[in-house]
Structures are given as structure tokens and as C-alpha cells.
Amino acid sequence: MLQVAFLDVGQGDSALITFPNGKTMLIDGGETSKGVALVGKLRRLGVQQIDWLVATHPHSDHIGGLIQVLKAFPVAEVWDIGMPFESPVYRDFLLAARGARSPDGKRPKFRVVRRGLTLEPAPNVRVSVLAPSEPLLKGTRSDPNNNSIVMRLDAPGGSFLFTGDLEREGRARLYATRPNLRADVLKVAHHGAENGTDRAFLSRVNPTVAVISVGAGNRYGHPHRETLALLQGRRVYRTDLHGDIVMRLGADKKLQIATTRAAPTQPAAQTKPAPIVGTVIGNRNSKVYHRPDCRGLPKPQNQVRFRSAQEAERQGYRPHTCVYGE
């Protein structure tokens, strides 16, 4: 049986693939603060070693928790995009990878991953790396996001597409290589941000099920309303609402889905926000606006005041979850 567990690590990504022969692949691990909890989740899922540990890109909300995983489990192979990136968390991740041990007691193999790499971790199961390509993209809004490792998992009865934090420029590069993007399950890019998904991408993937890995009440306003609107009519699971989302493909080749939390049929975030009378506070960086009494207001130097929510939205700002009363 193939199992894919999308793990709730707050505002970050983490997914564990357990192949039919027991081998495992861990894709991302959330922030550093989630590392201990992530190790606990992996132990409860029966993990004893990680055969492939994948860092889709070097942002802290994807690699931070992997540092603790590298210390807690034998790891056979580490995948990375090999992009120069200055951050304390990425430095600590690389140090942890260097200091980790493989199941045979040696240092894990460190592989810089590019499009074209394929893996057959179990009979009739294939992992195909679709991105990034050489040369890596430069000068985009976020080079780490746009150079994310994108992988397709094919198994009898179903397929999964993992997208990291891919944005517009990364999608355009992906289309140029003409890969097969069709998948039954889509891990929605960039936590449901508007720049991570568009109609053209969804038409290529055409998923039956979409998974959004996102933290409750996050300061970015993820998932954005535009993304949720595009996903209407598909089965959407969110880690902030459903907790851990475990998908299994058994001998009957039917997808079974279980979650650790029940969620409303239609999450509140899909509804249009109630009008706000008076001033709202925008975040210059995230382009999200807040109620003035929100506990998640940006730092004063990043604040911009609007006379109304309508004015903020005309300037391209999106509502924070506080707007919905959450």
C-alpha cells in the first residue's frame, strides 16, 4: 500500500511518502520550531529511517523542521536544489545534513536535484523530478520559490504532484519543458497564495483532490481567496482545518483519505468578508490588510493605513483572517 501523509506543521510544508515496500520519502519539514513535533508525528507513523529527505527550496518554513529529523533518524539521501542562499536556518540545515548518519553509519548522500531525475522506490512506483531546470532562475520575485523541486509520484491507481512554493516564473519554465502535469492529487503551491496557482496550471493538472498546507490565522492571509475560488468544485483539504491528511492507495487502487480533525464543509475563509467600516491596516510586504485591533498587525514600519477595506482592496491588498472574525 502506498501512503502519502500531508502533515500539519503550521505555516509550512511537510509530506511523508511511505512506499509499498516500506521505504520512505520526507518532503520538507516546516519551521525549526516544528521539528520536535514533526519527529513525534513520524515516529507515530512508524518511521524508523528516512530513505530520501527532500528540501524543495531553502526557505525556513520548508527546511527548519528537517534539522531535527536529520538528528533523530538515519537518513540515506538528502535532496536539495543547491542554490546559494544566505540564512541561518539553511546553514544549520546543511550542517545537520553533513553531521547526519545513514542507515549504514556513513554520511548521507547529498544530491543536487534537477529535472529529469527519476526514481523507482518500489515496484510499479515512480518519482519523477520535473523542476528545477538548468540554469536556475534568477531575478524573479522569489528565486528560491521559483526554483522549487517539483515532483510527480505515479503509482497503480493514482498520481500526486508536489509543487513546493512554485510561482508564476517557475510555472512558465515548467511549461517550456512540456512535462506530464496531470495528477489526481495536487499539493497546492505556496500555501494557497494567489501567485502559486492559476487557471492555466489547474487545467493542466486537473486534480480531483487538492491539499493546502497552511497555518491557521497566518500573517500572509493564506490561502488567498483567488486560489480557493479556482479550486471550487474539487475536494480541498487544508492542514489548518483538517490537521494531518493521510491518503492511501491500496490493492483496490482507490484513494482513501483520513484526517485527524473534522472541518466545516465550507470553510469560513471561502466566504466573502463582511464589510469593515473605518480604517484598516495594510502590510506593505505581504499585501494583506488587517482590522486595527488584530493581534497580528505588522511592524509599524511595514504598516500602511487605508480609510476602508474597499480602498485597501482597490490597491491590491487582501483580507487577513481577522477580517472573517477568526
C-alpha atoms as a PDB file:
ATOM      1  CA  MET A   1       0.000   0.000   0.000  1.00  0.00           C
ATOM      2  CA  LEU A   2       1.224   3.481  -0.878  1.00  0.00           C
ATOM      3  CA  GLN A   3       0.614   6.151   1.754  1.00  0.00           C
ATOM      4  CA  VAL A   4       1.065   9.921   1.489  1.00  0.00           C
ATOM      5  CA  ALA A   5       0.641  11.879   4.730  1.00  0.00           C
ATOM      6  CA  PHE A   6       0.413  15.655   4.469  1.00  0.00           C
ATOM      7  CA  LEU A   7       1.487  16.706   7.952  1.00  0.00           C
ATOM      8  CA  ASP A   8       0.212  19.738   9.825  1.00  0.00           C
ATOM      9  CA  VAL A   9       3.326  21.775  10.642  1.00  0.00           C
ATOM     10  CA  GLY A  10       1.607  25.146  10.894  1.00  0.00           C
ATOM     11  CA  GLN A  11       2.574  27.742   8.293  1.00  0.00           C
ATOM     12  CA  GLY A  12       4.878  25.459   6.347  1.00  0.00           C
ATOM     13  CA  ASP A  13       5.031  22.268   4.298  1.00  0.00           C
ATOM     14  CA  SER A  14       5.719  18.642   5.146  1.00  0.00           C
ATOM     15  CA  ALA A  15       4.651  15.407   3.481  1.00  0.00           C
ATOM     16  CA  LEU A  16       5.728  11.834   4.162  1.00  0.00           C
ATOM     17  CA  ILE A  17       5.506   9.203   1.430  1.00  0.00           C
ATOM     18  CA  THR A  18       5.610   5.601   2.603  1.00  0.00           C
ATOM     19  CA  PHE A  19       6.111   3.298  -0.356  1.00  0.00           C
ATOM     20  CA  PRO A  20       4.578  -0.206  -0.556  1.00  0.00           C
ATOM     21  CA  ASN A  21       7.942  -1.788   0.341  1.00  0.00           C
ATOM     22  CA  GLY A  22       8.304   0.353   3.475  1.00  0.00           C
ATOM     23  CA  LYS A  23      10.806   2.854   2.103  1.00  0.00           C
ATOM     24  CA  THR A  24      10.128   6.486   2.970  1.00  0.00           C
ATOM     25  CA  MET A  25      10.495   9.930   1.427  1.00  0.00           C
ATOM     26  CA  LEU A  26      10.027  13.064   3.529  1.00  0.00           C
ATOM     27  CA  ILE A  27       9.336  16.249   1.564  1.00  0.00           C
ATOM     28  CA  ASP A  28      10.014  19.396   3.637  1.00  0.00           C
ATOM     29  CA  GLY A  29       9.540  19.836   7.370  1.00  0.00           C
ATOM     30  CA  GLY A  30       8.072  23.199   8.388  1.00  0.00           C
ATOM     31  CA  GLU A  31       9.813  25.752  10.611  1.00  0.00           C
ATOM     32  CA  THR A  32      12.560  24.898  13.094  1.00  0.00           C
ATOM     33  CA  SER A  33      10.070  25.281  15.942  1.00  0.00           C
ATOM     34  CA  LYS A  34       8.064  22.361  14.494  1.00  0.00           C
ATOM     35  CA  GLY A  35      10.994  19.940  14.419  1.00  0.00           C
ATOM     36  CA  VAL A  36      10.318  18.092  17.675  1.00  0.00           C
ATOM     37  CA  ALA A  37       6.609  17.743  16.879  1.00  0.00           C
ATOM     38  CA  LEU A  38       7.448  16.537  13.371  1.00  0.00           C
ATOM     39  CA  VAL A  39       9.747  13.837  14.731  1.00  0.00           C
ATOM     40  CA  GLY A  40       6.911  12.725  17.012  1.00  0.00           C
ATOM     41  CA  LYS A  41       4.490  12.528  14.093  1.00  0.00           C
ATOM     42  CA  LEU A  42       6.977  10.477  12.067  1.00  0.00           C
ATOM     43  CA  ARG A  43       7.520   8.030  14.946  1.00  0.00           C
ATOM     44  CA  ARG A  44       3.760   7.589  15.343  1.00  0.00           C
ATOM     45  CA  LEU A  45       3.583   6.789  11.625  1.00  0.00           C
ATOM     46  CA  GLY A  46       6.093   4.010  12.184  1.00  0.00           C
ATOM     47  CA  VAL A  47       9.104   5.703  10.613  1.00  0.00           C
ATOM     48  CA  GLN A  48      12.472   4.253  11.614  1.00  0.00           C
ATOM     49  CA  GLN A  49      14.598   5.774   8.883  1.00  0.00           C
ATOM     50  CA  ILE A  50      14.241   8.252   6.015  1.00  0.00           C
ATOM     51  CA  ASP A  51      15.412   6.938   2.670  1.00  0.00           C
ATOM     52  CA  TRP A  52      15.034  10.242   0.803  1.00  0.00           C
ATOM     53  CA  LEU A  53      14.825  13.577   2.593  1.00  0.00           C
ATOM     54  CA  VAL A  54      13.786  16.327   0.179  1.00  0.00           C
ATOM     55  CA  ALA A  55      14.239  20.057   0.777  1.00  0.00           C
ATOM     56  CA  THR A  56      12.202  21.614  -2.033  1.00  0.00           C
ATOM     57  CA  HIS A  57      13.889  25.010  -1.510  1.00  0.00           C
ATOM     58  CA  PRO A  58      15.860  26.718   1.264  1.00  0.00           C
ATOM     59  CA  HIS A  59      13.141  28.790   2.964  1.00  0.00           C
ATOM     60  CA  SER A  60      12.831  28.177   6.703  1.00  0.00           C
ATOM     61  CA  ASP A  61       9.160  27.124   6.593  1.00  0.00           C
ATOM     62  CA  HIS A  62      10.207  24.153   4.463  1.00  0.00           C
ATOM     63  CA  ILE A  63      13.576  23.118   5.848  1.00  0.00           C
ATOM     64  CA  GLY A  64      13.597  24.180   9.501  1.00  0.00           C
ATOM     65  CA  GLY A  65      11.962  21.054  10.901  1.00  0.00           C
ATOM     66  CA  LEU A  66      14.229  18.842   8.799  1.00  0.00           C
ATOM     67  CA  ILE A  67      17.168  19.784  11.024  1.00  0.00           C
ATOM     68  CA  GLN A  68      15.662  17.858  13.935  1.00  0.00           C
ATOM     69  CA  VAL A  69      14.714  14.977  11.627  1.00  0.00           C
ATOM     70  CA  LEU A  70      18.336  14.679  10.454  1.00  0.00           C
ATOM     71  CA  LYS A  71      19.403  14.373  14.085  1.00  0.00           C
ATOM     72  CA  ALA A  72      16.670  11.903  15.072  1.00  0.00           C
ATOM     73  CA  PHE A  73      16.626   9.372  12.203  1.00  0.00           C
ATOM     74  CA  PRO A  74      19.097   7.616   9.927  1.00  0.00           C
ATOM     75  CA  VAL A  75      18.843   9.321   6.521  1.00  0.00           C
ATOM     76  CA  ALA A  76      20.117   7.634   3.379  1.00  0.00           C
ATOM     77  CA  GLU A  77      19.941  10.530   0.910  1.00  0.00           C
ATOM     78  CA  VAL A  78      19.316  14.295   1.051  1.00  0.00           C
ATOM     79  CA  TRP A  79      17.892  16.177  -1.942  1.00  0.00           C
ATOM     80  CA  ASP A  80      18.456  19.925  -2.354  1.00  0.00           C
ATOM     81  CA  ILE A  81      18.380  22.472  -5.176  1.00  0.00           C
ATOM     82  CA  GLY A  82      21.967  23.526  -4.468  1.00  0.00           C
ATOM     83  CA  MET A  83      21.157  27.224  -4.724  1.00  0.00           C
ATOM     84  CA  PRO A  84      23.368  29.685  -2.819  1.00  0.00           C
ATOM     85  CA  PHE A  85      21.170  31.144  -0.089  1.00  0.00           C
ATOM     86  CA  GLU A  86      22.206  33.112   2.963  1.00  0.00           C
ATOM     87  CA  SER A  87      20.153  32.262   6.043  1.00  0.00           C
ATOM     88  CA  PRO A  88      20.964  30.877   9.492  1.00  0.00           C
ATOM     89  CA  VAL A  89      18.337  28.143   9.088  1.00  0.00           C
ATOM     90  CA  TYR A  90      19.712  26.977   5.739  1.00  0.00           C
ATOM     91  CA  ARG A  91      23.233  26.976   7.183  1.00  0.00           C
ATOM     92  CA  ASP A  92      22.039  24.851  10.115  1.00  0.00           C
ATOM     93  CA  PHE A  93      20.243  22.511   7.686  1.00  0.00           C
ATOM     94  CA  LEU A  94      23.419  21.971   5.675  1.00  0.00           C
ATOM     95  CA  LEU A  95      25.413  21.391   8.869  1.00  0.00           C
ATOM     96  CA  ALA A  96      22.790  18.877  10.060  1.00  0.00           C
ATOM     97  CA  ALA A  97      22.948  17.055   6.713  1.00  0.00           C
ATOM     98  CA  ARG A  98      26.742  16.916   7.000  1.00  0.00           C
ATOM     99  CA  GLY A  99      26.541  15.569  10.531  1.00  0.00           C
ATOM    100  CA  ALA A 100      23.733  13.069   9.947  1.00  0.00           C
ATOM    101  CA  ARG A 101      24.195   9.345   9.614  1.00  0.00           C
ATOM    102  CA  SER A 102      22.799   6.977   7.013  1.00  0.00           C
ATOM    103  CA  PRO A 103      21.431   3.527   7.902  1.00  0.00           C
ATOM    104  CA  ASP A 104      24.906   2.044   7.248  1.00  0.00           C
ATOM    105  CA  GLY A 105      26.553   4.566   9.591  1.00  0.00           C
ATOM    106  CA  LYS A 106      28.061   6.743   6.881  1.00  0.00           C
ATOM    107  CA  ARG A 107      27.252  10.315   5.911  1.00  0.00           C
ATOM    108  CA  PRO A 108      24.016  10.580   3.853  1.00  0.00           C
ATOM    109  CA  LYS A 109      24.436  11.087   0.131  1.00  0.00           C
ATOM    110  CA  PHE A 110      23.805  14.752  -0.738  1.00  0.00           C
ATOM    111  CA  ARG A 111      22.232  15.097  -4.168  1.00  0.00           C
ATOM    112  CA  VAL A 112      21.684  18.379  -6.031  1.00  0.00           C
ATOM    113  CA  VAL A 113      18.449  17.672  -7.890  1.00  0.00           C
ATOM    114  CA  ARG A 114      17.433  18.769 -11.382  1.00  0.00           C
ATOM    115  CA  ARG A 115      14.699  17.988 -13.875  1.00  0.00           C
ATOM    116  CA  GLY A 116      14.993  14.533 -15.411  1.00  0.00           C
ATOM    117  CA  LEU A 117      15.906  12.630 -12.273  1.00  0.00           C
ATOM    118  CA  THR A 118      13.678   9.580 -11.849  1.00  0.00           C
ATOM    119  CA  LEU A 119      13.408   7.107  -9.032  1.00  0.00           C
ATOM    120  CA  GLU A 120      11.678   3.734  -8.745  1.00  0.00           C
ATOM    121  CA  PRO A 121      11.496   3.296  -4.961  1.00  0.00           C
ATOM    122  CA  ALA A 122       9.164   0.290  -5.205  1.00  0.00           C
ATOM    123  CA  PRO A 123       7.787  -1.954  -7.957  1.00  0.00           C
ATOM    124  CA  ASN A 124       5.420  -0.058 -10.287  1.00  0.00           C
ATOM    125  CA  VAL A 125       6.031   3.205  -8.415  1.00  0.00           C
ATOM    126  CA  ARG A 126       7.905   6.101  -9.983  1.00  0.00           C
ATOM    127  CA  VAL A 127       9.020   9.518  -8.724  1.00  0.00           C
ATOM    128  CA  SER A 128       9.877  11.994 -11.486  1.00  0.00           C
ATOM    129  CA  VAL A 129      11.555  15.356 -10.872  1.00  0.00           C
ATOM    130  CA  LEU A 130      10.015  17.950 -13.202  1.00  0.00           C
ATOM    131  CA  ALA A 131      11.820  21.058 -11.912  1.00  0.00           C
ATOM    132  CA  PRO A 132      14.081  22.918 -11.427  1.00  0.00           C
ATOM    133  CA  SER A 133      15.963  23.044 -14.721  1.00  0.00           C
ATOM    134  CA  GLU A 134      19.388  24.397 -15.569  1.00  0.00           C
ATOM    135  CA  PRO A 135      20.187  27.208 -15.367  1.00  0.00           C
ATOM    136  CA  LEU A 136      18.331  28.113 -12.205  1.00  0.00           C
ATOM    137  CA  LEU A 137      16.025  31.108 -12.500  1.00  0.00           C
ATOM    138  CA  LYS A 138      17.412  34.447 -11.320  1.00  0.00           C
ATOM    139  CA  GLY A 139      15.825  37.848 -10.806  1.00  0.00           C
ATOM    140  CA  THR A 140      12.304  36.622 -10.075  1.00  0.00           C
ATOM    141  CA  ARG A 141      10.139  37.852  -7.207  1.00  0.00           C
ATOM    142  CA  SER A 142      11.457  34.884  -5.211  1.00  0.00           C
ATOM    143  CA  ASP A 143      14.206  32.802  -6.773  1.00  0.00           C
ATOM    144  CA  PRO A 144      14.047  30.088  -4.061  1.00  0.00           C
ATOM    145  CA  ASN A 145      10.305  29.653  -4.631  1.00  0.00           C
ATOM    146  CA  ASN A 146      10.569  29.568  -8.409  1.00  0.00           C
ATOM    147  CA  ASN A 147      13.402  27.022  -8.298  1.00  0.00           C
ATOM    148  CA  SER A 148      11.458  24.667  -6.031  1.00  0.00           C
ATOM    149  CA  ILE A 149      11.769  20.942  -6.591  1.00  0.00           C
ATOM    150  CA  VAL A 150       8.583  19.824  -8.362  1.00  0.00           C
ATOM    151  CA  MET A 151       7.904  16.090  -8.315  1.00  0.00           C
ATOM    152  CA  ARG A 152       5.317  13.757  -9.733  1.00  0.00           C
ATOM    153  CA  LEU A 153       4.540  10.472  -7.976  1.00  0.00           C
ATOM    154  CA  ASP A 154       2.911   7.729 -10.042  1.00  0.00           C
ATOM    155  CA  ALA A 155       1.539   4.528  -8.544  1.00  0.00           C
ATOM    156  CA  PRO A 156      -1.108   1.985  -9.532  1.00  0.00           C
ATOM    157  CA  GLY A 157      -4.431   3.764  -9.111  1.00  0.00           C
ATOM    158  CA  GLY A 158      -3.273   7.330  -8.621  1.00  0.00           C
ATOM    159  CA  SER A 159      -0.769  10.148  -9.074  1.00  0.00           C
ATOM    160  CA  PHE A 160       0.411  13.066  -6.916  1.00  0.00           C
ATOM    161  CA  LEU A 161       2.050  16.361  -7.854  1.00  0.00           C
ATOM    162  CA  PHE A 162       4.256  18.132  -5.280  1.00  0.00           C
ATOM    163  CA  THR A 163       4.963  21.755  -6.142  1.00  0.00           C
ATOM    164  CA  GLY A 164       6.944  23.355  -3.305  1.00  0.00           C
ATOM    165  CA  ASP A 165       6.389  27.127  -3.450  1.00  0.00           C
ATOM    166  CA  LEU A 166       6.444  27.431  -7.244  1.00  0.00           C
ATOM    167  CA  GLU A 167       5.277  30.822  -8.545  1.00  0.00           C
ATOM    168  CA  ARG A 168       4.486  32.315 -11.965  1.00  0.00           C
ATOM    169  CA  GLU A 169       8.000  32.365 -13.405  1.00  0.00           C
ATOM    170  CA  GLY A 170       8.625  28.819 -12.240  1.00  0.00           C
ATOM    171  CA  ARG A 171       5.403  27.625 -13.847  1.00  0.00           C
ATOM    172  CA  ALA A 172       6.367  29.264 -17.149  1.00  0.00           C
ATOM    173  CA  ARG A 173       9.725  27.461 -17.083  1.00  0.00           C
ATOM    174  CA  LEU A 174       7.918  24.215 -16.252  1.00  0.00           C
ATOM    175  CA  TYR A 175       5.548  24.557 -19.221  1.00  0.00           C
ATOM    176  CA  ALA A 176       8.513  25.049 -21.569  1.00  0.00           C
ATOM    177  CA  THR A 177       9.748  21.532 -20.791  1.00  0.00           C
ATOM    178  CA  ARG A 178       6.318  20.068 -21.656  1.00  0.00           C
ATOM    179  CA  PRO A 179       6.041  17.601 -18.757  1.00  0.00           C
ATOM    180  CA  ASN A 180       3.016  15.491 -17.939  1.00  0.00           C
ATOM    181  CA  LEU A 181       1.448  17.508 -15.106  1.00  0.00           C
ATOM    182  CA  ARG A 182      -1.808  15.551 -14.899  1.00  0.00           C
ATOM    183  CA  ALA A 183      -2.326  14.285 -11.347  1.00  0.00           C
ATOM    184  CA  ASP A 184      -5.147  13.055  -9.157  1.00  0.00           C
ATOM    185  CA  VAL A 185      -3.837  14.881  -6.085  1.00  0.00           C
ATOM    186  CA  LEU A 186      -2.228  18.319  -6.171  1.00  0.00           C
ATOM    187  CA  LYS A 187      -0.192  19.722  -3.301  1.00  0.00           C
ATOM    188  CA  VAL A 188      -1.148  23.346  -3.906  1.00  0.00           C
ATOM    189  CA  ALA A 189       1.895  25.578  -4.337  1.00  0.00           C
ATOM    190  CA  HIS A 190       2.965  28.260  -1.861  1.00  0.00           C
ATOM    191  CA  HIS A 191       0.354  27.524   0.837  1.00  0.00           C
ATOM    192  CA  GLY A 192      -2.519  28.610  -1.393  1.00  0.00           C
ATOM    193  CA  ALA A 193      -1.036  32.001  -2.293  1.00  0.00           C
ATOM    194  CA  GLU A 194      -2.561  33.698  -5.310  1.00  0.00           C
ATOM    195  CA  ASN A 195       0.778  33.624  -7.155  1.00  0.00           C
ATOM    196  CA  GLY A 196       1.113  29.858  -6.683  1.00  0.00           C
ATOM    197  CA  THR A 197      -1.907  28.723  -8.692  1.00  0.00           C
ATOM    198  CA  ASP A 198      -3.764  29.945 -11.750  1.00  0.00           C
ATOM    199  CA  ARG A 199      -6.430  28.622 -14.085  1.00  0.00           C
ATOM    200  CA  ALA A 200      -3.911  27.524 -16.737  1.00  0.00           C
ATOM    201  CA  PHE A 201      -1.977  25.441 -14.227  1.00  0.00           C
ATOM    202  CA  LEU A 202      -5.112  23.800 -12.835  1.00  0.00           C
ATOM    203  CA  SER A 203      -6.291  22.939 -16.344  1.00  0.00           C
ATOM    204  CA  ARG A 204      -3.004  21.123 -16.937  1.00  0.00           C
ATOM    205  CA  VAL A 205      -3.057  19.243 -13.636  1.00  0.00           C
ATOM    206  CA  ASN A 206      -6.836  18.781 -13.411  1.00  0.00           C
ATOM    207  CA  PRO A 207      -6.713  17.280  -9.903  1.00  0.00           C
ATOM    208  CA  THR A 208      -9.641  15.610  -8.196  1.00  0.00           C
ATOM    209  CA  VAL A 209      -8.182  16.445  -4.779  1.00  0.00           C
ATOM    210  CA  ALA A 210      -6.163  19.491  -3.696  1.00  0.00           C
ATOM    211  CA  VAL A 211      -4.185  19.822  -0.466  1.00  0.00           C
ATOM    212  CA  ILE A 212      -3.197  23.180   1.028  1.00  0.00           C
ATOM    213  CA  SER A 213      -0.505  23.101   3.700  1.00  0.00           C
ATOM    214  CA  VAL A 214      -1.098  26.252   5.722  1.00  0.00           C
ATOM    215  CA  GLY A 215      -1.117  27.611   9.278  1.00  0.00           C
ATOM    216  CA  ALA A 216      -4.262  28.871  10.973  1.00  0.00           C
ATOM    217  CA  GLY A 217      -4.514  32.659  11.111  1.00  0.00           C
ATOM    218  CA  ASN A 218      -1.195  33.153   9.339  1.00  0.00           C
ATOM    219  CA  ARG A 219       0.007  36.699   8.690  1.00  0.00           C
ATOM    220  CA  TYR A 220       0.050  36.257   4.914  1.00  0.00           C
ATOM    221  CA  GLY A 221      -3.684  35.658   4.578  1.00  0.00           C
ATOM    222  CA  HIS A 222      -3.052  32.203   3.048  1.00  0.00           C
ATOM    223  CA  PRO A 223      -4.877  30.590   1.397  1.00  0.00           C
ATOM    224  CA  HIS A 224      -5.905  33.540  -0.762  1.00  0.00           C
ATOM    225  CA  ARG A 225      -9.472  33.944  -1.941  1.00  0.00           C
ATOM    226  CA  GLU A 226      -8.415  33.763  -5.583  1.00  0.00           C
ATOM    227  CA  THR A 227      -6.933  30.303  -5.094  1.00  0.00           C
ATOM    228  CA  LEU A 228      -9.939  28.992  -3.192  1.00  0.00           C
ATOM    229  CA  ALA A 229     -12.234  30.295  -5.924  1.00  0.00           C
ATOM    230  CA  LEU A 230     -10.203  28.453  -8.591  1.00  0.00           C
ATOM    231  CA  LEU A 231     -10.418  25.225  -6.571  1.00  0.00           C
ATOM    232  CA  GLN A 232     -14.189  25.289  -6.194  1.00  0.00           C
ATOM    233  CA  GLY A 233     -15.736  22.025  -7.353  1.00  0.00           C
ATOM    234  CA  ARG A 234     -12.726  19.967  -6.263  1.00  0.00           C
ATOM    235  CA  ARG A 235     -12.162  18.201  -2.958  1.00  0.00           C
ATOM    236  CA  VAL A 236      -9.986  20.577  -0.950  1.00  0.00           C
ATOM    237  CA  TYR A 237      -8.144  19.597   2.228  1.00  0.00           C
ATOM    238  CA  ARG A 238      -6.287  22.092   4.423  1.00  0.00           C
ATOM    239  CA  THR A 239      -3.917  21.312   7.250  1.00  0.00           C
ATOM    240  CA  ASP A 240      -5.191  24.317   9.232  1.00  0.00           C
ATOM    241  CA  LEU A 241      -8.697  22.842   9.149  1.00  0.00           C
ATOM    242  CA  HIS A 242      -8.178  19.082   8.781  1.00  0.00           C
ATOM    243  CA  GLY A 243      -4.882  18.550  10.638  1.00  0.00           C
ATOM    244  CA  ASP A 244      -2.800  15.690   9.234  1.00  0.00           C
ATOM    245  CA  ILE A 245      -4.233  14.401   5.948  1.00  0.00           C
ATOM    246  CA  VAL A 246      -3.390  10.761   5.218  1.00  0.00           C
ATOM    247  CA  MET A 247      -4.035   9.322   1.760  1.00  0.00           C
ATOM    248  CA  ARG A 248      -3.691   5.643   0.905  1.00  0.00           C
ATOM    249  CA  LEU A 249      -3.739   3.683  -2.345  1.00  0.00           C
ATOM    250  CA  GLY A 250      -4.403   0.020  -1.643  1.00  0.00           C
ATOM    251  CA  ALA A 251      -4.765  -3.088  -3.748  1.00  0.00           C
ATOM    252  CA  ASP A 252      -8.175  -1.889  -4.947  1.00  0.00           C
ATOM    253  CA  LYS A 253      -6.420   1.168  -6.468  1.00  0.00           C
ATOM    254  CA  LYS A 254      -8.928   3.502  -4.809  1.00  0.00           C
ATOM    255  CA  LEU A 255      -7.814   6.599  -2.943  1.00  0.00           C
ATOM    256  CA  GLN A 256      -8.709   6.559   0.753  1.00  0.00           C
ATOM    257  CA  ILE A 257      -8.439   9.780   2.751  1.00  0.00           C
ATOM    258  CA  ALA A 258      -8.429  10.188   6.538  1.00  0.00           C
ATOM    259  CA  THR A 259      -7.829  13.339   8.585  1.00  0.00           C
ATOM    260  CA  THR A 260      -7.013  13.951  12.233  1.00  0.00           C
ATOM    261  CA  ARG A 261      -9.597  16.728  12.518  1.00  0.00           C
ATOM    262  CA  ALA A 262     -13.060  17.243  11.126  1.00  0.00           C
ATOM    263  CA  ALA A 263     -13.587  20.526   9.305  1.00  0.00           C
ATOM    264  CA  PRO A 264     -16.578  22.545   8.098  1.00  0.00           C
ATOM    265  CA  THR A 265     -17.846  21.522   4.680  1.00  0.00           C
ATOM    266  CA  GLN A 266     -17.282  25.079   3.506  1.00  0.00           C
ATOM    267  CA  PRO A 267     -14.505  26.806   5.456  1.00  0.00           C
ATOM    268  CA  ALA A 268     -15.192  30.327   6.618  1.00  0.00           C
ATOM    269  CA  ALA A 269     -12.241  31.585   4.583  1.00  0.00           C
ATOM    270  CA  GLN A 270     -14.127  30.827   1.387  1.00  0.00           C
ATOM    271  CA  THR A 271     -16.843  33.310   2.197  1.00  0.00           C
ATOM    272  CA  LYS A 272     -16.652  36.967   1.289  1.00  0.00           C
ATOM    273  CA  PRO A 273     -15.530  39.122   4.212  1.00  0.00           C
ATOM    274  CA  ALA A 274     -18.076  41.273   5.968  1.00  0.00           C
ATOM    275  CA  PRO A 275     -17.657  44.972   5.159  1.00  0.00           C
ATOM    276  CA  ILE A 276     -15.422  46.818   7.582  1.00  0.00           C
ATOM    277  CA  VAL A 277     -16.349  50.351   8.481  1.00  0.00           C
ATOM    278  CA  GLY A 278     -13.387  52.646   9.083  1.00  0.00           C
ATOM    279  CA  THR A 279      -9.622  52.347   8.947  1.00  0.00           C
ATOM    280  CA  VAL A 280      -7.790  49.116   8.133  1.00  0.00           C
ATOM    281  CA  ILE A 281      -4.051  48.460   8.403  1.00  0.00           C
ATOM    282  CA  GLY A 282      -2.150  47.019   5.453  1.00  0.00           C
ATOM    283  CA  ASN A 283       1.149  45.130   5.465  1.00  0.00           C
ATOM    284  CA  ARG A 284       3.442  46.569   2.771  1.00  0.00           C
ATOM    285  CA  ASN A 285       5.316  43.277   2.432  1.00  0.00           C
ATOM    286  CA  SER A 286       2.523  40.700   2.301  1.00  0.00           C
ATOM    287  CA  LYS A 287      -0.152  42.958   0.740  1.00  0.00           C
ATOM    288  CA  VAL A 288      -2.613  41.817   3.414  1.00  0.00           C
ATOM    289  CA  TYR A 289      -4.865  44.188   5.376  1.00  0.00           C
ATOM    290  CA  HIS A 290      -5.984  43.785   8.984  1.00  0.00           C
ATOM    291  CA  ARG A 291      -8.523  45.135  11.403  1.00  0.00           C
ATOM    292  CA  PRO A 292      -6.889  47.768  13.638  1.00  0.00           C
ATOM    293  CA  ASP A 293      -7.423  45.516  16.684  1.00  0.00           C
ATOM    294  CA  CYS A 294      -5.831  42.435  15.072  1.00  0.00           C
ATOM    295  CA  ARG A 295      -3.162  40.719  17.184  1.00  0.00           C
ATOM    296  CA  GLY A 296      -1.168  40.005  14.037  1.00  0.00           C
ATOM    297  CA  LEU A 297      -0.547  43.579  12.901  1.00  0.00           C
ATOM    298  CA  PRO A 298       2.709  44.118  11.010  1.00  0.00           C
ATOM    299  CA  LYS A 299       5.579  46.106  12.474  1.00  0.00           C
ATOM    300  CA  PRO A 300       4.939  49.885  12.412  1.00  0.00           C
ATOM    301  CA  GLN A 301       7.442  50.479   9.612  1.00  0.00           C
ATOM    302  CA  ASN A 302       5.558  47.981   7.414  1.00  0.00           C
ATOM    303  CA  GLN A 303       2.100  49.425   8.078  1.00  0.00           C
ATOM    304  CA  VAL A 304       0.044  51.438   5.629  1.00  0.00           C
ATOM    305  CA  ARG A 305      -3.325  52.883   6.637  1.00  0.00           C
ATOM    306  CA  PHE A 306      -6.406  52.794   4.456  1.00  0.00           C
ATOM    307  CA  ARG A 307      -9.673  54.605   5.109  1.00  0.00           C
ATOM    308  CA  SER A 308     -11.662  51.458   4.314  1.00  0.00           C
ATOM    309  CA  ALA A 309     -11.335  47.808   3.336  1.00  0.00           C
ATOM    310  CA  GLN A 310     -12.605  48.750  -0.089  1.00  0.00           C
ATOM    311  CA  GLU A 311      -9.750  51.225  -0.550  1.00  0.00           C
ATOM    312  CA  ALA A 312      -7.244  48.556   0.537  1.00  0.00           C
ATOM    313  CA  GLU A 313      -8.633  46.059  -1.959  1.00  0.00           C
ATOM    314  CA  ARG A 314      -8.511  48.628  -4.756  1.00  0.00           C
ATOM    315  CA  GLN A 315      -4.786  48.924  -4.002  1.00  0.00           C
ATOM    316  CA  GLY A 316      -4.367  45.145  -4.377  1.00  0.00           C
ATOM    317  CA  TYR A 317      -4.450  44.169  -0.700  1.00  0.00           C
ATOM    318  CA  ARG A 318      -6.196  41.008   0.541  1.00  0.00           C
ATOM    319  CA  PRO A 319      -8.003  40.464   3.856  1.00  0.00           C
ATOM    320  CA  HIS A 320      -6.296  38.776   6.793  1.00  0.00           C
ATOM    321  CA  THR A 321      -8.254  36.042   8.568  1.00  0.00           C
ATOM    322  CA  CYS A 322      -9.123  38.570  11.307  1.00  0.00           C
ATOM    323  CA  VAL A 323     -11.450  40.144   8.752  1.00  0.00           C
ATOM    324  CA  TYR A 324     -13.549  36.987   8.884  1.00  0.00           C
ATOM    325  CA  GLY A 325     -13.708  37.107  12.668  1.00  0.00           C
ATOM    326  CA  GLU A 326     -11.198  34.237  13.085  1.00  0.00           C
END
